[in-house]
Amino acid sequence: MRHYNTLRICILIVITSFISAFSGLDARTSADSSDRNSRLQAQRRARVEEIISSMSIREKVAQLFVIEIDRREDSATLMEQDTLIRDCGVGSLIVMGGYARKFVPRLNQLQTMSKYPLLVCIDGEWGAAMRLKEYKPYQRQAHFGRLDNAEDLLYKMGVNVGKELKDLNILVNFAPVADICPEKYLLFDSQRSFGNDPSQVERYATAYMLGMQDAGIYACGKHYPGHGDTEVDSHKALPVMNFTKERLDSIEYVPFKKMIDNGLAMMMIAHLCIPAIDSSGLPMSLSSKCVRDLLQKEHGFKGVVITDALAMKGARGDMAQVDVDVLAYKAGVEMFLMSTTPAESIAAITDSVSRYMQYVSVELTGRPSNDFTLEDLNNRVRKVLMLKANAGYFDDGFSSIIKNVERKIRRAARRDGRLQKRIQKALDASPKPALPTIDRDHTRQLDKGEPIKR
């Protein structure tokens, strides 16, 4: 018995030693990984500062603009895109439709023209299929509202959508929609909202966001501060929402605050008039009280702020596009989506920053607005460049050229198909009434600002 006890003690000592050794190895591996990540982040930040210091004011402003790539292939459109990328230095693109097989060669071509890697964005609320025809669409957000506990499905959907977009070097998805949408709108419209329950919308939008960002792309919440409860289409006019601050805080803000608390990368500002936030009548996308005071200070958002499409009537009204873009800049916006006059607006903002610097340097009276300081411009372009840097765009050996498109499309089809079947099975088992199916044409209808069936 004494020998048995001695043997048992020896075995326990050996096992304990092994556990300690492996625990120590894990700790060292974790520490080494953390050190490598810290060094990599420091290198990326240093690279961004190096780029900023080498840029002209115009180059910095141009990095904030997002232009579209769509189905048009006429020579005038292609020449305009070439000029904006090669000569104006525009920093980002949004894919608006067509086929990946056609879009990718064009994107590769534009990447080779650009001085700095282009940040590519998309509206992929229900996946790449929202814009690219080779892909099969996921179920729209309103359908998930029929499920009581869909967070796991939505997280996995976010991961899959993130993977299919990252395969195409699309790093920003303008999703999820976090608007609280009344029941009467869910049957038609584009079924873009998760529903009318703030608690459910915050959980579902956050799960989808986390899935995409864990897959290595940037999610963008929209349409802040909440575009759900209005019958006016901001493509066609400026909606006015006469809600109290208490109503906004208890309903509209809820999903956005939850995503902010969970590390949301980007936020899209809606073209809405909300007098409780800004009584001037300005759209929220042009209001510093919304962007700086509410979103950044009160709600603590540290990510990148982008407008909704600036060509929409809700933003422009009767103003010239350049004036709209300058107002958005003064409001504190950091990226400008789909201006109709990007070259002219880049020039106007560049001129305002240059004039501010001139006034400061010679100490004249009548100084221009503090919204045009060089420090403020540097802070904005730094945030945009860090999106690229954190994706490895400035690392040694990085290539922005996309290869093996067909293989990536097939891989996405297999991966997405399995999850889409699981989602549909859950929907089929739901006791809540099914929603009508809406085809792709409705998305194009929304893009054109055509009337929406309610």
Protein backbone atom coordinates (compact mmCIF):
# COMPACT_ATOMS: atom_id res chain seq x y z
CA MET A 1 0.00 0.00 0.00
CA ARG A 2 2.92 2.31 0.87
CA HIS A 3 4.41 1.69 -2.60
CA TYR A 4 1.04 2.39 -4.18
CA ASN A 5 0.70 5.72 -2.36
CA THR A 6 4.25 6.67 -3.28
CA LEU A 7 3.57 5.85 -6.92
CA ARG A 8 0.35 7.85 -6.84
CA ILE A 9 2.15 10.85 -5.37
CA CYS A 10 4.84 10.61 -8.08
CA ILE A 11 2.23 10.48 -10.82
CA LEU A 12 0.46 13.52 -9.36
CA ILE A 13 3.75 15.40 -9.22
CA VAL A 14 4.48 14.54 -12.87
CA ILE A 15 0.95 15.55 -13.97
CA THR A 16 1.16 18.80 -12.00
CA SER A 17 4.52 19.53 -13.56
CA PHE A 18 3.12 18.96 -17.05
CA ILE A 19 0.11 21.18 -16.31
CA SER A 20 2.39 23.90 -14.95
CA ALA A 21 4.67 23.60 -17.94
CA PHE A 22 1.83 23.84 -20.44
CA SER A 23 0.16 26.64 -18.48
CA GLY A 24 3.42 28.52 -18.54
CA LEU A 25 3.74 27.85 -22.26
CA ASP A 26 0.22 29.15 -22.87
CA ALA A 27 0.95 32.25 -20.82
CA ARG A 28 4.20 32.87 -22.68
CA THR A 29 2.50 32.28 -26.05
CA SER A 30 -0.31 34.66 -25.11
CA ALA A 31 2.19 37.27 -23.93
CA ASP A 32 4.27 36.87 -27.09
CA SER A 33 1.15 37.23 -29.24
CA SER A 34 0.09 40.34 -27.31
CA ASP A 35 3.57 41.84 -27.73
CA ARG A 36 3.52 41.14 -31.48
CA ASN A 37 0.09 42.73 -31.81
CA SER A 38 1.23 45.78 -29.85
CA ARG A 39 4.31 46.18 -32.04
CA LEU A 40 2.22 45.73 -35.19
CA GLN A 41 -0.28 48.35 -34.05
CA ALA A 42 2.53 50.75 -33.21
CA GLN A 43 4.06 50.19 -36.67
CA ARG A 44 0.70 50.80 -38.34
CA ARG A 45 0.07 53.99 -36.37
CA ALA A 46 3.56 55.22 -37.23
CA ARG A 47 2.98 54.45 -40.91
CA VAL A 48 -0.30 56.40 -40.88
CA GLU A 49 1.43 59.40 -39.26
CA GLU A 50 4.15 59.19 -41.90
CA ILE A 51 1.54 59.23 -44.67
CA ILE A 52 -0.36 62.16 -43.12
CA SER A 53 2.82 64.21 -42.80
CA SER A 54 3.57 63.67 -46.49
CA MET A 55 0.08 64.57 -47.77
CA SER A 56 -1.06 67.90 -49.11
CA ILE A 57 -4.27 69.41 -47.73
CA ARG A 58 -6.12 68.43 -50.91
CA GLU A 59 -4.92 64.83 -50.65
CA LYS A 60 -6.14 64.66 -47.06
CA VAL A 61 -9.59 66.01 -47.93
CA ALA A 62 -9.89 63.65 -50.91
CA GLN A 63 -9.32 60.64 -48.63
CA LEU A 64 -12.65 61.43 -46.96
CA PHE A 65 -14.77 61.05 -50.11
CA VAL A 66 -16.53 57.90 -51.33
CA ILE A 67 -17.48 57.61 -55.01
CA GLU A 68 -19.56 54.90 -56.62
CA ILE A 69 -18.82 52.08 -59.03
CA ASP A 70 -22.02 50.92 -60.70
CA ARG A 71 -23.20 49.07 -63.79
CA ARG A 72 -22.35 51.89 -66.17
CA GLU A 73 -19.46 51.14 -68.50
CA ASP A 74 -19.60 54.08 -70.91
CA SER A 75 -16.33 55.84 -71.61
CA ALA A 76 -17.39 59.12 -69.96
CA THR A 77 -18.20 57.39 -66.66
CA LEU A 78 -14.98 55.37 -66.66
CA MET A 79 -12.93 58.46 -67.48
CA GLU A 80 -14.55 60.38 -64.63
CA GLN A 81 -13.77 57.57 -62.19
CA ASP A 82 -10.17 57.44 -63.41
CA THR A 83 -9.78 61.19 -62.91
CA LEU A 84 -11.26 61.16 -59.41
CA ILE A 85 -8.98 58.33 -58.31
CA ARG A 86 -5.77 59.15 -60.16
CA ASP A 87 -5.83 62.95 -60.18
CA CYS A 88 -8.09 63.96 -57.26
CA GLY A 89 -6.96 61.17 -54.93
CA VAL A 90 -10.40 60.06 -53.72
CA GLY A 91 -9.89 57.50 -50.97
CA SER A 92 -12.90 55.17 -51.07
CA LEU A 93 -15.38 53.45 -53.38
CA ILE A 94 -18.87 52.03 -52.97
CA VAL A 95 -20.03 49.13 -55.12
CA MET A 96 -23.57 49.85 -56.32
CA GLY A 97 -24.47 46.82 -58.38
CA GLY A 98 -23.80 44.40 -61.20
CA TYR A 99 -21.63 41.29 -61.22
CA ALA A 100 -18.52 40.58 -59.17
CA ARG A 101 -16.90 39.13 -62.30
CA LYS A 102 -17.13 42.57 -63.92
CA PHE A 103 -16.61 44.67 -60.82
CA VAL A 104 -13.39 43.00 -59.68
CA PRO A 105 -11.28 43.69 -62.81
CA ARG A 106 -12.41 47.33 -62.69
CA LEU A 107 -11.59 47.58 -59.00
CA ASN A 108 -8.15 46.07 -59.59
CA GLN A 109 -7.59 48.64 -62.31
CA LEU A 110 -8.58 51.54 -60.04
CA GLN A 111 -6.42 50.22 -57.20
CA THR A 112 -3.36 50.35 -59.46
CA MET A 113 -4.17 53.98 -60.33
CA SER A 114 -4.51 55.09 -56.71
CA LYS A 115 -1.60 56.49 -54.76
CA TYR A 116 -2.96 54.86 -51.60
CA PRO A 117 -5.04 51.65 -51.32
CA LEU A 118 -8.75 52.31 -51.81
CA LEU A 119 -11.24 51.48 -49.06
CA VAL A 120 -14.11 49.61 -50.73
CA CYS A 121 -17.64 49.75 -49.29
CA ILE A 122 -21.01 48.16 -50.08
CA ASP A 123 -24.64 48.14 -48.98
CA GLY A 124 -24.82 44.48 -48.03
CA GLU A 125 -27.65 44.43 -45.52
CA TRP A 126 -28.62 40.88 -46.50
CA GLY A 127 -25.21 39.99 -47.89
CA ALA A 128 -23.21 40.66 -51.03
CA ALA A 129 -26.32 39.67 -52.99
CA MET A 130 -27.86 43.06 -52.25
CA ARG A 131 -25.50 44.43 -54.92
CA LEU A 132 -23.78 41.52 -56.65
CA LYS A 133 -25.88 39.11 -58.66
CA GLU A 134 -23.74 35.98 -58.36
CA TYR A 135 -24.57 35.68 -54.67
CA LYS A 136 -27.73 34.27 -53.10
CA PRO A 137 -29.40 36.74 -50.70
CA TYR A 138 -29.91 36.05 -47.04
CA GLN A 139 -33.32 36.58 -45.56
CA ARG A 140 -34.10 40.25 -44.98
CA GLN A 141 -33.98 41.78 -41.54
CA ALA A 142 -37.74 41.97 -40.99
CA HIS A 143 -37.99 38.19 -41.31
CA PHE A 144 -35.62 37.73 -38.35
CA GLY A 145 -38.05 39.81 -36.32
CA ARG A 146 -40.39 36.78 -36.44
CA LEU A 147 -37.87 34.78 -34.39
CA ASP A 148 -37.58 35.11 -30.62
CA ASN A 149 -33.89 34.23 -30.17
CA ALA A 150 -32.06 34.75 -33.45
CA GLU A 151 -28.81 36.19 -32.11
CA ASP A 152 -26.77 33.07 -32.88
CA LEU A 153 -28.11 32.85 -36.44
CA LEU A 154 -27.47 36.54 -37.01
CA TYR A 155 -23.95 36.35 -35.62
CA LYS A 156 -23.16 33.46 -37.97
CA MET A 157 -24.78 35.33 -40.85
CA GLY A 158 -22.55 38.30 -40.00
CA VAL A 159 -19.46 36.08 -40.08
CA ASN A 160 -20.44 34.60 -43.46
CA VAL A 161 -21.29 37.99 -44.96
CA GLY A 162 -17.99 39.35 -43.64
CA LYS A 163 -16.07 36.50 -45.23
CA GLU A 164 -17.71 36.83 -48.65
CA LEU A 165 -17.07 40.58 -48.69
CA LYS A 166 -13.49 40.34 -47.40
CA ASP A 167 -12.78 37.81 -50.18
CA LEU A 168 -13.45 40.69 -52.60
CA ASN A 169 -11.43 43.23 -50.55
CA ILE A 170 -14.69 44.95 -49.56
CA LEU A 171 -13.89 46.08 -46.05
CA VAL A 172 -16.94 48.20 -45.12
CA ASN A 173 -20.51 46.97 -45.06
CA PHE A 174 -23.15 49.67 -44.58
CA ALA A 175 -25.10 47.42 -42.23
CA PRO A 176 -26.83 46.70 -39.96
CA VAL A 177 -29.94 48.84 -40.19
CA ALA A 178 -30.83 49.62 -36.56
CA ASP A 179 -33.99 51.66 -37.15
CA ILE A 180 -37.08 50.88 -35.07
CA CYS A 181 -39.75 50.29 -37.69
CA PRO A 182 -43.50 50.28 -36.87
CA GLU A 183 -45.36 47.09 -37.70
CA LYS A 184 -47.36 48.68 -40.50
CA TYR A 185 -44.17 49.31 -42.52
CA LEU A 186 -42.71 45.80 -42.24
CA LEU A 187 -44.98 44.19 -44.83
CA PHE A 188 -43.70 46.35 -47.64
CA ASP A 189 -40.90 48.90 -47.85
CA SER A 190 -37.69 46.85 -48.22
CA GLN A 191 -38.03 44.94 -44.93
CA ARG A 192 -34.73 46.42 -43.77
CA SER A 193 -35.58 46.74 -40.07
CA PHE A 194 -35.47 43.98 -37.45
CA GLY A 195 -38.79 45.20 -36.10
CA ASN A 196 -40.56 47.55 -33.70
CA ASP A 197 -39.20 46.28 -30.38
CA PRO A 198 -36.12 48.30 -29.29
CA SER A 199 -34.86 45.42 -27.14
CA GLN A 200 -35.02 42.94 -29.99
CA VAL A 201 -33.55 45.34 -32.54
CA GLU A 202 -30.59 46.17 -30.29
CA ARG A 203 -29.82 42.48 -29.70
CA TYR A 204 -30.18 41.48 -33.34
CA ALA A 205 -28.32 44.44 -34.82
CA THR A 206 -25.47 43.96 -32.34
CA ALA A 207 -25.18 40.23 -33.05
CA TYR A 208 -25.02 40.86 -36.81
CA MET A 209 -22.46 43.64 -36.30
CA LEU A 210 -20.22 41.50 -34.10
CA GLY A 211 -20.25 38.66 -36.62
CA MET A 212 -19.13 40.91 -39.45
CA GLN A 213 -16.39 42.57 -37.41
CA ASP A 214 -15.13 39.24 -36.07
CA ALA A 215 -14.81 38.16 -39.72
CA GLY A 216 -12.46 41.09 -40.35
CA ILE A 217 -14.60 43.79 -41.96
CA TYR A 218 -16.08 47.02 -40.61
CA ALA A 219 -19.79 47.25 -39.83
CA CYS A 220 -21.62 50.56 -40.15
CA GLY A 221 -24.77 51.19 -38.12
CA LYS A 222 -27.53 53.12 -39.80
CA HIS A 223 -29.51 55.33 -40.00
CA TYR A 224 -28.51 57.29 -36.88
CA PRO A 225 -30.24 58.64 -34.88
CA GLY A 226 -33.14 56.50 -36.15
CA HIS A 227 -35.07 56.57 -39.44
CA GLY A 228 -37.75 53.96 -38.79
CA ASP A 229 -40.90 55.81 -37.83
CA THR A 230 -41.50 58.13 -40.77
CA GLU A 231 -43.59 57.91 -43.93
CA VAL A 232 -41.35 60.36 -45.81
CA ASP A 233 -38.60 58.87 -48.00
CA SER A 234 -35.41 60.89 -47.51
CA HIS A 235 -34.42 60.13 -51.11
CA LYS A 236 -37.23 62.48 -52.11
CA ALA A 237 -37.66 64.94 -49.22
CA LEU A 238 -36.49 65.77 -45.70
CA PRO A 239 -38.50 63.84 -43.09
CA VAL A 240 -39.38 65.78 -39.93
CA MET A 241 -39.63 63.72 -36.73
CA ASN A 242 -41.26 65.67 -33.90
CA PHE A 243 -40.30 63.27 -31.13
CA THR A 244 -39.40 64.29 -27.60
CA LYS A 245 -35.95 63.67 -26.17
CA GLU A 246 -37.50 61.11 -23.83
CA ARG A 247 -39.03 59.20 -26.76
CA LEU A 248 -35.77 59.27 -28.71
CA ASP A 249 -33.76 58.05 -25.72
CA SER A 250 -36.14 55.20 -24.92
CA ILE A 251 -36.73 53.98 -28.50
CA GLU A 252 -34.67 55.34 -31.43
CA TYR A 253 -31.28 55.58 -29.70
CA VAL A 254 -31.41 52.17 -27.99
CA PRO A 255 -29.90 49.93 -30.74
CA PHE A 256 -27.24 52.48 -31.69
CA LYS A 257 -26.04 52.89 -28.10
CA LYS A 258 -25.80 49.11 -27.73
CA MET A 259 -23.67 48.79 -30.87
CA ILE A 260 -21.45 51.67 -29.75
CA ASP A 261 -20.88 49.92 -26.41
CA ASN A 262 -19.84 46.78 -28.35
CA GLY A 263 -17.23 48.46 -30.56
CA LEU A 264 -19.09 49.53 -33.70
CA ALA A 265 -16.56 50.74 -36.29
CA MET A 266 -18.65 53.21 -38.29
CA MET A 267 -21.94 55.11 -38.06
CA MET A 268 -24.05 56.49 -40.92
CA ILE A 269 -25.97 59.71 -40.25
CA ALA A 270 -29.47 59.99 -41.69
CA HIS A 271 -31.00 62.91 -43.56
CA LEU A 272 -33.67 63.70 -40.97
CA CYS A 273 -34.91 66.85 -39.30
CA ILE A 274 -35.37 66.27 -35.56
CA PRO A 275 -36.11 69.56 -33.76
CA ALA A 276 -35.51 68.00 -30.33
CA ILE A 277 -31.86 67.56 -31.37
CA ASP A 278 -31.37 70.63 -33.57
CA SER A 279 -34.10 73.27 -33.85
CA SER A 280 -32.39 74.99 -36.81
CA GLY A 281 -34.13 72.73 -39.35
CA LEU A 282 -30.86 71.27 -40.64
CA PRO A 283 -30.74 67.57 -41.55
CA MET A 284 -28.97 65.51 -38.90
CA SER A 285 -26.25 64.73 -41.46
CA LEU A 286 -25.39 68.45 -41.59
CA SER A 287 -25.85 69.18 -37.89
CA SER A 288 -22.95 69.49 -35.44
CA LYS A 289 -25.49 69.15 -32.62
CA CYS A 290 -26.20 65.64 -33.90
CA VAL A 291 -22.69 64.59 -34.97
CA ARG A 292 -20.44 66.23 -32.40
CA ASP A 293 -22.72 66.86 -29.41
CA LEU A 294 -25.06 63.86 -29.48
CA LEU A 295 -23.22 61.03 -31.26
CA GLN A 296 -19.63 61.71 -30.26
CA LYS A 297 -19.95 63.46 -26.89
CA GLU A 298 -23.19 62.20 -25.33
CA HIS A 299 -23.22 58.69 -26.84
CA GLY A 300 -19.43 58.33 -26.78
CA PHE A 301 -18.91 57.12 -30.34
CA LYS A 302 -15.21 56.96 -31.26
CA GLY A 303 -15.49 55.35 -34.70
CA VAL A 304 -15.78 56.86 -38.16
CA VAL A 305 -18.83 59.02 -38.98
CA ILE A 306 -20.18 58.89 -42.54
CA THR A 307 -23.15 60.58 -44.19
CA ASP A 308 -25.94 58.81 -46.00
CA ALA A 309 -25.74 59.47 -49.76
CA LEU A 310 -25.33 63.23 -50.15
CA ALA A 311 -27.18 63.37 -53.46
CA MET A 312 -30.44 62.49 -51.71
CA LYS A 313 -33.07 65.20 -51.65
CA GLY A 314 -33.30 64.94 -47.88
CA ALA A 315 -29.76 66.34 -47.63
CA ARG A 316 -29.72 68.75 -50.54
CA GLY A 317 -33.12 70.36 -50.57
CA ASP A 318 -32.61 73.35 -52.84
CA MET A 319 -28.95 73.86 -51.94
CA ALA A 320 -26.01 73.37 -54.27
CA GLN A 321 -24.20 70.06 -53.70
CA VAL A 322 -20.92 71.79 -52.81
CA ASP A 323 -22.66 73.82 -50.09
CA VAL A 324 -24.21 70.64 -48.69
CA ASP A 325 -20.83 68.91 -48.56
CA VAL A 326 -19.17 71.88 -46.84
CA LEU A 327 -21.96 71.94 -44.23
CA ALA A 328 -21.46 68.22 -43.62
CA TYR A 329 -17.76 68.87 -43.08
CA LYS A 330 -18.51 71.68 -40.61
CA ALA A 331 -20.87 69.34 -38.76
CA GLY A 332 -17.96 66.99 -38.06
CA VAL A 333 -18.60 64.23 -40.60
CA GLU A 334 -15.51 62.18 -41.48
CA MET A 335 -16.56 60.46 -44.71
CA PHE A 336 -18.74 61.84 -47.50
CA LEU A 337 -20.85 59.32 -49.38
CA MET A 338 -21.73 59.75 -53.06
CA SER A 339 -21.54 63.50 -53.54
CA THR A 340 -22.49 64.49 -57.09
CA THR A 341 -19.63 67.02 -57.13
CA PRO A 342 -16.68 65.33 -55.39
CA ALA A 343 -13.94 67.24 -57.21
CA GLU A 344 -15.59 70.62 -56.59
CA SER A 345 -16.35 69.80 -52.95
CA ILE A 346 -12.79 68.61 -52.31
CA ALA A 347 -11.56 71.91 -53.74
CA ALA A 348 -13.99 73.96 -51.59
CA ILE A 349 -13.04 72.24 -48.33
CA THR A 350 -9.34 72.41 -49.23
CA ASP A 351 -9.70 76.14 -49.84
CA SER A 352 -11.43 76.64 -46.47
CA VAL A 353 -8.67 74.80 -44.58
CA SER A 354 -5.97 76.69 -46.51
CA ARG A 355 -7.61 80.04 -45.75
CA TYR A 356 -7.83 79.18 -42.07
CA MET A 357 -4.11 78.36 -42.01
CA GLN A 358 -3.35 81.63 -43.79
CA TYR A 359 -5.33 83.65 -41.24
CA VAL A 360 -3.59 81.91 -38.35
CA SER A 361 -0.11 82.30 -39.81
CA VAL A 362 -0.42 86.06 -40.39
CA GLU A 363 -2.64 86.68 -37.33
CA LEU A 364 -5.33 88.59 -39.19
CA THR A 365 -8.75 89.40 -37.76
CA GLY A 366 -11.91 87.82 -39.13
CA ARG A 367 -10.62 84.29 -38.72
CA PRO A 368 -12.67 81.61 -40.53
CA SER A 369 -14.61 78.89 -38.67
CA ASN A 370 -12.64 76.65 -36.31
CA ASP A 371 -14.20 73.72 -38.19
CA PHE A 372 -11.44 74.09 -40.80
CA THR A 373 -8.31 73.73 -38.67
CA LEU A 374 -5.50 71.56 -39.96
CA GLU A 375 -5.52 69.61 -36.70
CA ASP A 376 -9.19 68.74 -37.17
CA LEU A 377 -8.60 67.64 -40.78
CA ASN A 378 -5.66 65.50 -39.67
CA ASN A 379 -7.82 63.83 -37.02
CA ARG A 380 -10.43 62.93 -39.63
CA VAL A 381 -8.03 61.55 -42.19
CA ARG A 382 -6.18 59.67 -39.44
CA LYS A 383 -9.36 57.76 -38.54
CA VAL A 384 -10.01 56.86 -42.18
CA LEU A 385 -6.41 55.80 -42.82
CA MET A 386 -6.44 53.67 -39.65
CA LEU A 387 -9.35 51.69 -41.13
CA LYS A 388 -7.02 50.80 -43.97
CA ALA A 389 -3.99 50.29 -41.73
CA ASN A 390 -5.79 47.95 -39.33
CA ALA A 391 -6.78 45.81 -42.32
CA GLY A 392 -3.10 45.51 -43.26
CA TYR A 393 -3.27 47.85 -46.25
CA PHE A 394 0.01 49.57 -45.38
CA ASP A 395 1.86 46.42 -44.22
CA ASP A 396 4.89 45.23 -46.15
CA GLY A 397 3.91 42.83 -48.91
CA PHE A 398 0.21 43.76 -48.96
CA SER A 399 -1.53 43.56 -52.34
CA SER A 400 -4.95 45.10 -53.03
CA ILE A 401 -5.37 43.01 -56.20
CA ILE A 402 -8.20 40.46 -56.03
CA LYS A 403 -7.60 37.00 -57.53
CA ASN A 404 -9.53 33.73 -57.92
CA VAL A 405 -12.96 35.37 -58.00
CA GLU A 406 -14.82 32.33 -59.34
CA ARG A 407 -13.45 30.08 -56.61
CA LYS A 408 -14.41 32.62 -53.95
CA ILE A 409 -17.96 32.89 -55.29
CA ARG A 410 -18.36 29.10 -55.22
CA ARG A 411 -16.97 28.90 -51.69
CA ALA A 412 -19.38 31.59 -50.50
CA ALA A 413 -22.31 29.80 -52.16
CA ARG A 414 -21.59 26.60 -50.22
CA ARG A 415 -21.07 28.39 -46.93
CA ASP A 416 -24.06 30.70 -47.30
CA GLY A 417 -26.36 27.95 -48.59
CA ARG A 418 -25.95 25.85 -45.45
CA LEU A 419 -26.74 28.73 -43.11
CA GLN A 420 -29.60 30.06 -45.23
CA LYS A 421 -31.29 26.64 -44.98
CA ARG A 422 -30.96 26.73 -41.20
CA ILE A 423 -32.47 30.20 -41.07
CA GLN A 424 -35.35 29.23 -43.35
CA LYS A 425 -36.04 26.14 -41.23
CA ALA A 426 -36.32 28.36 -38.15
CA LEU A 427 -38.62 30.76 -40.00
CA ASP A 428 -40.84 27.91 -41.23
CA ALA A 429 -41.24 26.74 -37.63
CA SER A 430 -42.15 30.22 -36.35
CA PRO A 431 -45.79 30.64 -35.28
CA LYS A 432 -45.71 34.29 -36.35
CA PRO A 433 -47.20 35.17 -39.77
CA ALA A 434 -44.80 34.99 -42.72
CA LEU A 435 -43.85 38.16 -44.58
CA PRO A 436 -44.08 38.61 -48.35
CA THR A 437 -40.95 38.10 -50.44
CA ILE A 438 -39.44 41.20 -52.03
CA ASP A 439 -37.28 40.84 -55.12
CA ARG A 440 -34.03 42.55 -56.08
CA ASP A 441 -35.77 45.18 -58.19
CA HIS A 442 -37.04 46.83 -55.03
CA THR A 443 -33.47 47.58 -53.98
CA ARG A 444 -32.84 49.36 -57.27
CA GLN A 445 -36.11 51.24 -56.79
CA LEU A 446 -34.88 52.53 -53.44
CA ASP A 447 -31.52 53.60 -54.92
CA LYS A 448 -33.33 55.69 -57.53
CA GLY A 449 -35.55 57.31 -54.92
CA GLU A 450 -38.73 56.04 -56.54
CA PRO A 451 -41.94 55.98 -54.47
CA ILE A 452 -42.06 53.23 -51.88
CA LYS A 453 -45.17 51.14 -51.47
CA ARG A 454 -46.45 51.24 -47.91
